[in-house]
Amino acid sequence: MADLYLKALESERRSLWATARLKGLPKDSPERLRIAVLDADIAAHKAKSKSPSK
């Protein structure tokens, strides 16, 4: 089954990263800060989905 939440997070991250790279945005820009938040959310979601279900 597809994990649509994870796909949405990764899609938003890719979009923001492309924008940041294209514009050469600094690390403290809102887009780059959002990327950091998305990275944490993605990691937490993957960790949660790897834990065994009871």
C-alpha atoms as a PDB file:
ATOM      1  CA  MET A   1       0.000   0.000   0.000  1.00  0.00           C
ATOM      2  CA  ALA A   2       1.314   3.424  -0.906  1.00  0.00           C
ATOM      3  CA  ASP A   3       2.154   5.765   1.937  1.00  0.00           C
ATOM      4  CA  LEU A   4       0.564   8.942   0.633  1.00  0.00           C
ATOM      5  CA  TYR A   5       1.626  11.048   3.626  1.00  0.00           C
ATOM      6  CA  LEU A   6       5.286  10.161   3.066  1.00  0.00           C
ATOM      7  CA  LYS A   7       4.985  10.798  -0.666  1.00  0.00           C
ATOM      8  CA  ALA A   8       3.451  14.232  -0.006  1.00  0.00           C
ATOM      9  CA  LEU A   9       6.256  15.171   2.388  1.00  0.00           C
ATOM     10  CA  GLU A  10       8.940  14.030  -0.037  1.00  0.00           C
ATOM     11  CA  SER A  11       7.270  15.834  -2.932  1.00  0.00           C
ATOM     12  CA  GLU A  12       7.097  19.107  -1.012  1.00  0.00           C
ATOM     13  CA  ARG A  13      10.749  18.687   0.005  1.00  0.00           C
ATOM     14  CA  ARG A  14      11.868  18.096  -3.584  1.00  0.00           C
ATOM     15  CA  SER A  15       9.936  21.137  -4.767  1.00  0.00           C
ATOM     16  CA  LEU A  16      11.378  23.395  -2.077  1.00  0.00           C
ATOM     17  CA  TRP A  17      14.897  22.079  -2.638  1.00  0.00           C
ATOM     18  CA  ALA A  18      14.657  22.770  -6.375  1.00  0.00           C
ATOM     19  CA  THR A  19      13.491  26.324  -5.652  1.00  0.00           C
ATOM     20  CA  ALA A  20      16.248  26.880  -3.113  1.00  0.00           C
ATOM     21  CA  ARG A  21      18.918  25.591  -5.492  1.00  0.00           C
ATOM     22  CA  LEU A  22      17.598  27.590  -8.446  1.00  0.00           C
ATOM     23  CA  LYS A  23      17.463  30.848  -6.481  1.00  0.00           C
ATOM     24  CA  GLY A  24      20.602  30.171  -4.428  1.00  0.00           C
ATOM     25  CA  LEU A  25      18.788  30.800  -1.159  1.00  0.00           C
ATOM     26  CA  PRO A  26      20.791  31.082   2.092  1.00  0.00           C
ATOM     27  CA  LYS A  27      20.452  28.503   4.871  1.00  0.00           C
ATOM     28  CA  ASP A  28      18.311  30.794   7.024  1.00  0.00           C
ATOM     29  CA  SER A  29      15.647  31.398   4.354  1.00  0.00           C
ATOM     30  CA  PRO A  30      12.083  30.219   5.093  1.00  0.00           C
ATOM     31  CA  GLU A  31      12.269  27.618   2.315  1.00  0.00           C
ATOM     32  CA  ARG A  32      15.479  26.069   3.663  1.00  0.00           C
ATOM     33  CA  LEU A  33      14.083  26.077   7.213  1.00  0.00           C
ATOM     34  CA  ARG A  34      10.961  24.276   5.949  1.00  0.00           C
ATOM     35  CA  ILE A  35      13.208  21.687   4.265  1.00  0.00           C
ATOM     36  CA  ALA A  36      14.856  21.011   7.632  1.00  0.00           C
ATOM     37  CA  VAL A  37      11.437  20.537   9.248  1.00  0.00           C
ATOM     38  CA  LEU A  38      10.368  18.205   6.443  1.00  0.00           C
ATOM     39  CA  ASP A  39      13.563  16.163   6.843  1.00  0.00           C
ATOM     40  CA  ALA A  40      12.747  15.663  10.523  1.00  0.00           C
ATOM     41  CA  ASP A  41       9.126  14.757   9.747  1.00  0.00           C
ATOM     42  CA  ILE A  42      10.189  12.261   7.075  1.00  0.00           C
ATOM     43  CA  ALA A  43      12.733  10.628   9.386  1.00  0.00           C
ATOM     44  CA  ALA A  44      10.190  10.381  12.215  1.00  0.00           C
ATOM     45  CA  HIS A  45       7.569   8.896   9.909  1.00  0.00           C
ATOM     46  CA  LYS A  46       9.991   6.321   8.503  1.00  0.00           C
ATOM     47  CA  ALA A  47      11.117   5.361  12.021  1.00  0.00           C
ATOM     48  CA  LYS A  48       7.515   4.980  13.130  1.00  0.00           C
ATOM     49  CA  SER A  49       6.606   2.829  10.132  1.00  0.00           C
ATOM     50  CA  LYS A  50       9.636   0.573  10.679  1.00  0.00           C
ATOM     51  CA  SER A  51       8.644  -0.231  14.258  1.00  0.00           C
ATOM     52  CA  PRO A  52       6.761  -3.540  14.497  1.00  0.00           C
ATOM     53  CA  SER A  53       3.003  -3.256  14.679  1.00  0.00           C
ATOM     54  CA  LYS A  54       1.196  -5.080  17.428  1.00  0.00           C
END
